[in-house]
Amino acid sequence: MLVVRQPGDGLQAIFEKIRRSVGAVAREIVSFRGRARIVDLIYFSLAIGVISLMVKFPLQALPWDWKWFARAAVDIVIFVPCLALFSRRLHDQGLSGWWALLLLPNLPMNLYQSYRAVFAVINPAWLFQPDPLDSWRLLLIPVGLVVLVLFLRPGTRGPNRYGPDPRKDRVAVAA
């Protein structure tokens, strides 16, 4: 049996979809207006993970006392687009973008963990001492679950008060 492939099939078409989606998100990188699809969130997360590794890996060559400051700067720069995309994702569900403030406790917690890891070079015993923020980390578990549910909830069909349906706009552009 002979199988004829169409021009839009295969790996090339998948990479083209990813490129268009990441490009759409990149154009609105710090915009808190409009709506975003789940797919945009997934591709953005993958892109941010790769970019973060590419930036943070060379930072290992810095002296230990500068390493934390450089990593903290990268985390802060990455956090703002994440907040904006989560806000647009909430808009897709018809919710206020103010719910994105649920992400705020994660930034200081990440900075603190990075601080502990980098400065453990000075005093390795520090890693084995009780962490004063353990109880706060337990409070972040339910917050993280709420954020995960809000990330994965399907958006409203059709236009809502935050703008047109992003799925229909992408179909119209692709056609």
N, C-alpha and C. Protein backbone atom coordinates (compact mmCIF):
# COMPACT_ATOMS: atom_id res chain seq x y z
N MET A 1 0.85 -1.18 0.00
CA MET A 1 0.00 0.00 0.00
C MET A 1 0.89 1.24 0.00
N LEU A 2 0.61 2.13 -0.87
CA LEU A 2 1.38 3.36 -1.01
C LEU A 2 0.72 4.48 -0.21
N VAL A 3 1.49 5.11 0.69
CA VAL A 3 0.98 6.21 1.50
C VAL A 3 1.55 7.50 0.95
N VAL A 4 0.67 8.42 0.59
CA VAL A 4 1.09 9.71 0.07
C VAL A 4 0.99 10.74 1.18
N ARG A 5 2.09 11.40 1.45
CA ARG A 5 2.12 12.42 2.51
C ARG A 5 1.71 13.76 1.93
N GLN A 6 0.95 14.47 2.71
CA GLN A 6 0.56 15.83 2.35
C GLN A 6 1.65 16.79 2.79
N PRO A 7 1.76 17.98 2.17
CA PRO A 7 2.81 18.94 2.53
C PRO A 7 2.75 19.39 3.98
N GLY A 8 1.59 19.38 4.63
CA GLY A 8 1.47 19.88 5.99
C GLY A 8 1.72 18.82 7.05
N ASP A 9 2.06 17.60 6.64
CA ASP A 9 2.26 16.51 7.59
C ASP A 9 3.69 16.48 8.11
N GLY A 10 3.88 15.80 9.21
CA GLY A 10 5.21 15.48 9.68
C GLY A 10 5.81 16.47 10.66
N LEU A 11 7.08 16.24 10.89
CA LEU A 11 7.84 16.99 11.88
C LEU A 11 7.96 18.47 11.52
N GLN A 12 8.08 18.74 10.24
CA GLN A 12 8.21 20.13 9.80
C GLN A 12 6.96 20.93 10.16
N ALA A 13 5.79 20.33 10.00
CA ALA A 13 4.54 21.02 10.33
C ALA A 13 4.44 21.26 11.84
N ILE A 14 4.91 20.30 12.63
CA ILE A 14 4.88 20.46 14.08
C ILE A 14 5.77 21.61 14.51
N PHE A 15 6.99 21.66 13.95
CA PHE A 15 7.90 22.75 14.29
C PHE A 15 7.35 24.10 13.84
N GLU A 16 6.63 24.11 12.73
CA GLU A 16 6.03 25.36 12.25
C GLU A 16 4.94 25.82 13.22
N LYS A 17 4.13 24.90 13.74
CA LYS A 17 3.10 25.26 14.72
C LYS A 17 3.73 25.81 15.99
N ILE A 18 4.80 25.16 16.45
CA ILE A 18 5.49 25.62 17.66
C ILE A 18 6.07 27.00 17.43
N ARG A 19 6.70 27.21 16.27
CA ARG A 19 7.30 28.51 15.97
C ARG A 19 6.26 29.62 15.94
N ARG A 20 5.09 29.33 15.32
CA ARG A 20 4.03 30.35 15.27
C ARG A 20 3.48 30.66 16.66
N SER A 21 3.30 29.61 17.48
CA SER A 21 2.76 29.82 18.82
C SER A 21 3.73 30.59 19.71
N VAL A 22 5.01 30.20 19.68
CA VAL A 22 6.01 30.91 20.49
C VAL A 22 6.15 32.35 19.98
N GLY A 23 6.08 32.54 18.68
CA GLY A 23 6.14 33.89 18.11
C GLY A 23 4.99 34.75 18.57
N ALA A 24 3.78 34.17 18.62
CA ALA A 24 2.61 34.92 19.08
C ALA A 24 2.76 35.32 20.54
N VAL A 25 3.28 34.41 21.36
CA VAL A 25 3.48 34.71 22.78
C VAL A 25 4.59 35.75 22.93
N ALA A 26 5.65 35.62 22.14
CA ALA A 26 6.79 36.55 22.24
C ALA A 26 6.38 37.98 21.88
N ARG A 27 5.44 38.13 20.95
CA ARG A 27 4.98 39.47 20.59
C ARG A 27 4.24 40.15 21.73
N GLU A 28 3.66 39.35 22.62
CA GLU A 28 2.89 39.88 23.74
C GLU A 28 3.55 39.54 25.06
N ILE A 29 4.87 39.52 25.10
CA ILE A 29 5.64 38.97 26.21
C ILE A 29 5.31 39.60 27.56
N VAL A 30 5.06 40.88 27.63
CA VAL A 30 4.74 41.52 28.91
C VAL A 30 3.37 42.20 28.87
N SER A 31 2.52 41.75 27.97
CA SER A 31 1.18 42.32 27.88
C SER A 31 0.25 41.58 28.84
N PHE A 32 -0.48 42.34 29.63
CA PHE A 32 -1.45 41.75 30.56
C PHE A 32 -2.86 41.81 29.97
N ARG A 33 -2.99 42.21 28.72
CA ARG A 33 -4.30 42.32 28.06
C ARG A 33 -4.48 41.19 27.07
N GLY A 34 -5.71 40.79 26.88
CA GLY A 34 -6.01 39.75 25.91
C GLY A 34 -6.11 38.37 26.55
N ARG A 35 -6.08 37.37 25.68
CA ARG A 35 -6.27 35.99 26.12
C ARG A 35 -5.15 35.11 25.58
N ALA A 36 -4.89 33.99 26.26
CA ALA A 36 -3.86 33.04 25.83
C ALA A 36 -4.39 31.62 25.94
N ARG A 37 -3.98 30.77 25.01
CA ARG A 37 -4.40 29.36 25.00
C ARG A 37 -3.49 28.53 25.91
N ILE A 38 -3.93 27.32 26.23
CA ILE A 38 -3.11 26.40 27.01
C ILE A 38 -1.84 26.05 26.24
N VAL A 39 -1.97 25.88 24.93
CA VAL A 39 -0.81 25.53 24.10
C VAL A 39 0.25 26.62 24.17
N ASP A 40 -0.18 27.88 24.18
CA ASP A 40 0.77 28.98 24.31
C ASP A 40 1.54 28.87 25.62
N LEU A 41 0.84 28.52 26.67
CA LEU A 41 1.46 28.37 27.98
C LEU A 41 2.49 27.24 27.99
N ILE A 42 2.16 26.13 27.36
CA ILE A 42 3.07 24.97 27.32
C ILE A 42 4.32 25.32 26.52
N TYR A 43 4.15 25.90 25.34
CA TYR A 43 5.31 26.25 24.51
C TYR A 43 6.16 27.32 25.19
N PHE A 44 5.51 28.27 25.84
CA PHE A 44 6.24 29.32 26.54
C PHE A 44 7.05 28.71 27.69
N SER A 45 6.46 27.78 28.43
CA SER A 45 7.18 27.13 29.53
C SER A 45 8.39 26.37 29.02
N LEU A 46 8.24 25.67 27.90
CA LEU A 46 9.38 24.95 27.33
C LEU A 46 10.47 25.93 26.88
N ALA A 47 10.07 27.00 26.22
CA ALA A 47 11.04 27.99 25.74
C ALA A 47 11.76 28.66 26.91
N ILE A 48 11.02 29.02 27.96
CA ILE A 48 11.63 29.66 29.13
C ILE A 48 12.59 28.69 29.83
N GLY A 49 12.22 27.41 29.89
CA GLY A 49 13.12 26.42 30.50
C GLY A 49 14.43 26.31 29.74
N VAL A 50 14.35 26.26 28.42
CA VAL A 50 15.57 26.17 27.61
C VAL A 50 16.39 27.44 27.74
N ILE A 51 15.74 28.59 27.65
CA ILE A 51 16.46 29.86 27.77
C ILE A 51 17.10 29.99 29.15
N SER A 52 16.38 29.61 30.17
CA SER A 52 16.90 29.68 31.53
C SER A 52 18.15 28.82 31.69
N LEU A 53 18.11 27.61 31.15
CA LEU A 53 19.29 26.75 31.22
C LEU A 53 20.46 27.34 30.44
N MET A 54 20.16 27.89 29.27
CA MET A 54 21.23 28.47 28.44
C MET A 54 21.87 29.67 29.12
N VAL A 55 21.08 30.41 29.89
CA VAL A 55 21.62 31.59 30.57
C VAL A 55 22.28 31.21 31.89
N LYS A 56 21.64 30.33 32.66
CA LYS A 56 22.16 30.00 33.98
C LYS A 56 23.38 29.09 33.95
N PHE A 57 23.50 28.24 32.94
CA PHE A 57 24.65 27.33 32.89
C PHE A 57 25.97 28.09 32.81
N PRO A 58 26.11 29.09 31.93
CA PRO A 58 27.38 29.84 31.92
C PRO A 58 27.63 30.62 33.22
N LEU A 59 26.58 30.90 33.97
CA LEU A 59 26.77 31.64 35.22
C LEU A 59 27.54 30.82 36.26
N GLN A 60 27.64 29.52 36.04
CA GLN A 60 28.39 28.67 36.97
C GLN A 60 29.87 29.06 36.99
N ALA A 61 30.34 29.71 35.94
CA ALA A 61 31.75 30.11 35.87
C ALA A 61 32.04 31.34 36.73
N LEU A 62 31.00 32.04 37.17
CA LEU A 62 31.20 33.23 38.00
C LEU A 62 31.70 32.83 39.39
N PRO A 63 32.36 33.74 40.07
CA PRO A 63 32.71 33.46 41.47
C PRO A 63 31.43 33.23 42.29
N TRP A 64 31.54 32.41 43.32
CA TRP A 64 30.34 32.01 44.07
C TRP A 64 29.56 33.19 44.63
N ASP A 65 30.23 34.28 45.01
CA ASP A 65 29.51 35.39 45.62
C ASP A 65 28.71 36.20 44.59
N TRP A 66 29.04 36.10 43.30
CA TRP A 66 28.28 36.80 42.26
C TRP A 66 27.22 35.91 41.63
N LYS A 67 27.39 34.61 41.81
CA LYS A 67 26.50 33.65 41.17
C LYS A 67 25.04 33.85 41.59
N TRP A 68 24.82 34.06 42.87
CA TRP A 68 23.44 34.21 43.35
C TRP A 68 22.80 35.46 42.77
N PHE A 69 23.52 36.55 42.74
CA PHE A 69 22.94 37.79 42.22
C PHE A 69 22.58 37.66 40.75
N ALA A 70 23.43 37.00 39.97
CA ALA A 70 23.15 36.83 38.55
C ALA A 70 21.95 35.91 38.34
N ARG A 71 21.89 34.82 39.10
CA ARG A 71 20.74 33.90 38.98
C ARG A 71 19.45 34.57 39.44
N ALA A 72 19.52 35.38 40.48
CA ALA A 72 18.34 36.09 40.95
C ALA A 72 17.84 37.07 39.90
N ALA A 73 18.75 37.74 39.23
CA ALA A 73 18.36 38.68 38.17
C ALA A 73 17.66 37.94 37.04
N VAL A 74 18.17 36.78 36.66
CA VAL A 74 17.53 35.99 35.60
C VAL A 74 16.13 35.56 36.05
N ASP A 75 16.00 35.10 37.29
CA ASP A 75 14.69 34.68 37.80
C ASP A 75 13.69 35.83 37.80
N ILE A 76 14.12 37.01 38.18
CA ILE A 76 13.22 38.16 38.21
C ILE A 76 12.81 38.56 36.79
N VAL A 77 13.76 38.54 35.87
CA VAL A 77 13.44 38.91 34.48
C VAL A 77 12.47 37.89 33.87
N ILE A 78 12.62 36.63 34.18
CA ILE A 78 11.73 35.60 33.65
C ILE A 78 10.35 35.66 34.31
N PHE A 79 10.29 36.10 35.55
CA PHE A 79 9.03 36.09 36.30
C PHE A 79 7.97 37.02 35.71
N VAL A 80 8.38 38.17 35.23
CA VAL A 80 7.40 39.15 34.72
C VAL A 80 6.64 38.60 33.51
N PRO A 81 7.30 38.02 32.48
CA PRO A 81 6.53 37.43 31.39
C PRO A 81 5.65 36.27 31.84
N CYS A 82 6.10 35.50 32.83
CA CYS A 82 5.26 34.41 33.35
C CYS A 82 3.99 34.96 33.98
N LEU A 83 4.13 36.03 34.72
CA LEU A 83 2.98 36.66 35.35
C LEU A 83 2.01 37.19 34.29
N ALA A 84 2.55 37.80 33.24
CA ALA A 84 1.70 38.34 32.17
C ALA A 84 0.98 37.22 31.43
N LEU A 85 1.68 36.12 31.13
CA LEU A 85 1.04 35.02 30.41
C LEU A 85 -0.03 34.36 31.27
N PHE A 86 0.24 34.20 32.56
CA PHE A 86 -0.77 33.61 33.45
C PHE A 86 -1.99 34.52 33.53
N SER A 87 -1.78 35.82 33.54
CA SER A 87 -2.90 36.76 33.55
C SER A 87 -3.74 36.60 32.28
N ARG A 88 -3.09 36.48 31.13
CA ARG A 88 -3.84 36.30 29.88
C ARG A 88 -4.53 34.94 29.84
N ARG A 89 -3.91 33.93 30.46
CA ARG A 89 -4.54 32.60 30.54
C ARG A 89 -5.81 32.68 31.40
N LEU A 90 -5.75 33.44 32.48
CA LEU A 90 -6.95 33.63 33.31
C LEU A 90 -8.03 34.39 32.54
N HIS A 91 -7.62 35.36 31.74
CA HIS A 91 -8.59 36.10 30.93
C HIS A 91 -9.30 35.16 29.96
N ASP A 92 -8.60 34.16 29.45
CA ASP A 92 -9.21 33.21 28.54
C ASP A 92 -10.33 32.44 29.23
N GLN A 93 -10.23 32.28 30.54
CA GLN A 93 -11.26 31.57 31.31
C GLN A 93 -12.34 32.51 31.82
N GLY A 94 -12.22 33.80 31.51
CA GLY A 94 -13.19 34.78 31.97
C GLY A 94 -12.93 35.27 33.38
N LEU A 95 -11.74 34.99 33.92
CA LEU A 95 -11.39 35.40 35.28
C LEU A 95 -10.52 36.66 35.24
N SER A 96 -10.49 37.37 36.35
CA SER A 96 -9.66 38.56 36.46
C SER A 96 -8.19 38.17 36.49
N GLY A 97 -7.36 39.00 35.89
CA GLY A 97 -5.92 38.78 35.89
C GLY A 97 -5.29 38.95 37.26
N TRP A 98 -6.02 39.54 38.19
CA TRP A 98 -5.50 39.72 39.54
C TRP A 98 -5.23 38.39 40.23
N TRP A 99 -5.87 37.31 39.78
CA TRP A 99 -5.60 35.99 40.34
C TRP A 99 -4.16 35.56 40.06
N ALA A 100 -3.51 36.20 39.11
CA ALA A 100 -2.12 35.87 38.80
C ALA A 100 -1.20 36.21 39.98
N LEU A 101 -1.67 37.04 40.88
CA LEU A 101 -0.86 37.38 42.06
C LEU A 101 -0.62 36.16 42.96
N LEU A 102 -1.34 35.07 42.69
CA LEU A 102 -1.06 33.83 43.43
C LEU A 102 0.36 33.33 43.16
N LEU A 103 0.96 33.77 42.06
CA LEU A 103 2.33 33.36 41.73
C LEU A 103 3.38 34.12 42.55
N LEU A 104 3.01 35.24 43.14
CA LEU A 104 4.00 36.09 43.81
C LEU A 104 4.79 35.39 44.92
N PRO A 105 4.20 34.55 45.77
CA PRO A 105 5.02 33.92 46.81
C PRO A 105 6.12 33.02 46.26
N ASN A 106 5.97 32.56 45.03
CA ASN A 106 6.98 31.68 44.45
C ASN A 106 8.30 32.38 44.18
N LEU A 107 8.25 33.66 43.82
CA LEU A 107 9.49 34.38 43.50
C LEU A 107 10.42 34.48 44.71
N PRO A 108 9.97 35.00 45.86
CA PRO A 108 10.91 35.05 46.99
C PRO A 108 11.35 33.67 47.46
N MET A 109 10.48 32.68 47.34
CA MET A 109 10.86 31.33 47.75
C MET A 109 11.95 30.78 46.83
N ASN A 110 11.82 31.01 45.52
CA ASN A 110 12.86 30.57 44.59
C ASN A 110 14.18 31.30 44.83
N LEU A 111 14.09 32.59 45.10
CA LEU A 111 15.31 33.37 45.37
C LEU A 111 15.99 32.87 46.64
N TYR A 112 15.19 32.55 47.65
CA TYR A 112 15.75 32.05 48.91
C TYR A 112 16.43 30.69 48.71
N GLN A 113 15.80 29.80 47.95
CA GLN A 113 16.39 28.49 47.70
C GLN A 113 17.69 28.62 46.91
N SER A 114 17.70 29.51 45.95
CA SER A 114 18.92 29.75 45.17
C SER A 114 20.02 30.30 46.08
N TYR A 115 19.65 31.21 46.97
CA TYR A 115 20.59 31.79 47.93
C TYR A 115 21.20 30.69 48.81
N ARG A 116 20.36 29.80 49.33
CA ARG A 116 20.84 28.71 50.19
C ARG A 116 21.80 27.80 49.44
N ALA A 117 21.46 27.48 48.19
CA ALA A 117 22.29 26.56 47.42
C ALA A 117 23.65 27.17 47.09
N VAL A 118 23.66 28.44 46.71
CA VAL A 118 24.91 29.07 46.31
C VAL A 118 25.81 29.32 47.52
N PHE A 119 25.23 29.82 48.59
CA PHE A 119 26.06 30.17 49.75
C PHE A 119 26.37 28.96 50.64
N ALA A 120 25.88 27.79 50.28
CA ALA A 120 26.29 26.58 50.99
C ALA A 120 27.74 26.24 50.69
N VAL A 121 28.31 26.88 49.67
CA VAL A 121 29.73 26.70 49.36
C VAL A 121 30.57 27.19 50.54
N ILE A 122 30.15 28.27 51.17
CA ILE A 122 30.89 28.82 52.31
C ILE A 122 30.79 27.89 53.50
N ASN A 123 29.57 27.42 53.77
CA ASN A 123 29.33 26.59 54.94
C ASN A 123 28.45 25.41 54.53
N PRO A 124 29.03 24.29 54.11
CA PRO A 124 28.22 23.14 53.67
C PRO A 124 27.29 22.60 54.75
N ALA A 125 27.63 22.81 56.01
CA ALA A 125 26.76 22.34 57.09
C ALA A 125 25.41 23.06 57.08
N TRP A 126 25.38 24.20 56.42
CA TRP A 126 24.16 24.99 56.34
C TRP A 126 23.02 24.21 55.70
N LEU A 127 23.35 23.32 54.75
CA LEU A 127 22.33 22.53 54.07
C LEU A 127 21.68 21.51 55.01
N PHE A 128 22.36 21.14 56.08
CA PHE A 128 21.84 20.13 56.99
C PHE A 128 21.15 20.72 58.20
N GLN A 129 21.17 22.04 58.31
CA GLN A 129 20.47 22.70 59.41
C GLN A 129 19.00 22.83 59.06
N PRO A 130 18.13 22.91 60.07
CA PRO A 130 16.71 23.07 59.78
C PRO A 130 16.45 24.38 59.02
N ASP A 131 15.59 24.28 58.05
CA ASP A 131 15.26 25.44 57.23
C ASP A 131 14.12 26.20 57.90
N PRO A 132 14.30 27.49 58.19
CA PRO A 132 13.24 28.24 58.86
C PRO A 132 11.99 28.43 58.01
N LEU A 133 12.09 28.21 56.71
CA LEU A 133 10.93 28.42 55.84
C LEU A 133 10.19 27.14 55.47
N ASP A 134 10.50 26.03 56.14
CA ASP A 134 9.82 24.77 55.82
C ASP A 134 8.31 24.88 55.98
N SER A 135 7.85 25.54 57.03
CA SER A 135 6.40 25.66 57.24
C SER A 135 5.76 26.52 56.16
N TRP A 136 6.46 27.53 55.67
CA TRP A 136 5.91 28.36 54.59
C TRP A 136 5.80 27.57 53.30
N ARG A 137 6.77 26.67 53.06
CA ARG A 137 6.71 25.85 51.86
C ARG A 137 5.46 24.97 51.86
N LEU A 138 5.07 24.50 53.03
CA LEU A 138 3.86 23.68 53.11
C LEU A 138 2.61 24.48 52.73
N LEU A 139 2.62 25.77 53.05
CA LEU A 139 1.49 26.61 52.67
C LEU A 139 1.43 26.85 51.16
N LEU A 140 2.56 26.73 50.48
CA LEU A 140 2.58 26.95 49.04
C LEU A 140 2.03 25.76 48.25
N ILE A 141 1.91 24.60 48.88
CA ILE A 141 1.39 23.42 48.17
C ILE A 141 -0.05 23.64 47.72
N PRO A 142 -0.98 24.06 48.60
CA PRO A 142 -2.34 24.30 48.09
C PRO A 142 -2.39 25.43 47.07
N VAL A 143 -1.56 26.45 47.25
CA VAL A 143 -1.53 27.55 46.28
C VAL A 143 -1.06 27.02 44.92
N GLY A 144 -0.04 26.17 44.94
CA GLY A 144 0.45 25.58 43.70
C GLY A 144 -0.60 24.72 43.01
N LEU A 145 -1.39 24.00 43.78
CA LEU A 145 -2.47 23.20 43.20
C LEU A 145 -3.54 24.08 42.57
N VAL A 146 -3.89 25.17 43.22
CA VAL A 146 -4.87 26.11 42.66
C VAL A 146 -4.34 26.71 41.36
N VAL A 147 -3.07 27.09 41.35
CA VAL A 147 -2.46 27.65 40.14
C VAL A 147 -2.47 26.61 39.01
N LEU A 148 -2.16 25.36 39.33
CA LEU A 148 -2.16 24.30 38.31
C LEU A 148 -3.56 24.11 37.72
N VAL A 149 -4.57 24.10 38.57
CA VAL A 149 -5.94 23.97 38.09
C VAL A 149 -6.30 25.16 37.19
N LEU A 150 -5.91 26.36 37.60
CA LEU A 150 -6.21 27.55 36.79
C LEU A 150 -5.45 27.53 35.47
N PHE A 151 -4.25 26.99 35.46
CA PHE A 151 -3.49 26.85 34.20
C PHE A 151 -4.21 25.93 33.23
N LEU A 152 -4.74 24.83 33.74
CA LEU A 152 -5.25 23.77 32.88
C LEU A 152 -6.74 23.84 32.57
N ARG A 153 -7.46 24.71 33.24
CA ARG A 153 -8.90 24.84 32.94
C ARG A 153 -9.09 25.30 31.51
N PRO A 154 -10.08 24.75 30.82
CA PRO A 154 -10.32 25.21 29.45
C PRO A 154 -10.85 26.64 29.44
N GLY A 155 -10.55 27.35 28.39
CA GLY A 155 -11.02 28.72 28.24
C GLY A 155 -12.46 28.76 27.79
N THR A 156 -13.04 29.93 27.89
CA THR A 156 -14.41 30.10 27.42
C THR A 156 -14.44 30.10 25.90
N ARG A 157 -15.49 29.53 25.32
CA ARG A 157 -15.65 29.51 23.87
C ARG A 157 -16.22 30.85 23.42
N GLY A 158 -15.71 31.35 22.33
CA GLY A 158 -16.19 32.61 21.80
C GLY A 158 -15.61 33.79 22.55
N PRO A 159 -16.00 34.98 22.15
CA PRO A 159 -15.45 36.17 22.80
C PRO A 159 -15.96 36.32 24.24
N ASN A 160 -15.13 36.90 25.08
CA ASN A 160 -15.57 37.27 26.42
C ASN A 160 -15.14 38.72 26.66
N ARG A 161 -15.27 39.21 27.87
CA ARG A 161 -14.99 40.62 28.12
C ARG A 161 -13.52 40.99 27.97
N TYR A 162 -12.63 39.98 27.84
CA TYR A 162 -11.20 40.24 27.70
C TYR A 162 -10.72 40.15 26.25
N GLY A 163 -11.60 39.78 25.34
CA GLY A 163 -11.22 39.76 23.94
C GLY A 163 -11.78 38.57 23.19
N PRO A 164 -11.42 38.46 21.91
CA PRO A 164 -11.91 37.35 21.10
C PRO A 164 -11.27 36.02 21.50
N ASP A 165 -11.89 34.94 21.08
CA ASP A 165 -11.38 33.60 21.37
C ASP A 165 -10.05 33.40 20.63
N PRO A 166 -8.94 33.13 21.34
CA PRO A 166 -7.65 33.00 20.67
C PRO A 166 -7.57 31.77 19.76
N ARG A 167 -8.36 30.74 20.03
CA ARG A 167 -8.34 29.56 19.18
C ARG A 167 -8.91 29.87 17.80
N LYS A 168 -9.95 30.67 17.75
CA LYS A 168 -10.55 31.02 16.46
C LYS A 168 -9.66 31.96 15.68
N ASP A 169 -8.96 32.85 16.37
CA ASP A 169 -8.04 33.76 15.68
C ASP A 169 -6.91 32.98 15.03
N ARG A 170 -6.38 31.95 15.71
CA ARG A 170 -5.26 31.18 15.17
C ARG A 170 -5.73 30.38 13.95
N VAL A 171 -6.97 29.88 13.99
CA VAL A 171 -7.50 29.11 12.86
C VAL A 171 -7.64 30.03 11.65
N ALA A 172 -8.14 31.25 11.88
CA ALA A 172 -8.32 32.19 10.78
C ALA A 172 -6.98 32.59 10.18
N VAL A 173 -5.94 32.74 11.01
CA VAL A 173 -4.61 33.13 10.52
C VAL A 173 -3.99 31.99 9.73
N ALA A 174 -4.18 30.73 10.21
CA ALA A 174 -3.57 29.58 9.57
C ALA A 174 -4.24 29.27 8.22
N ALA A 175 -5.49 29.61 8.07
CA ALA A 175 -6.22 29.27 6.84
C ALA A 175 -5.86 30.17 5.68
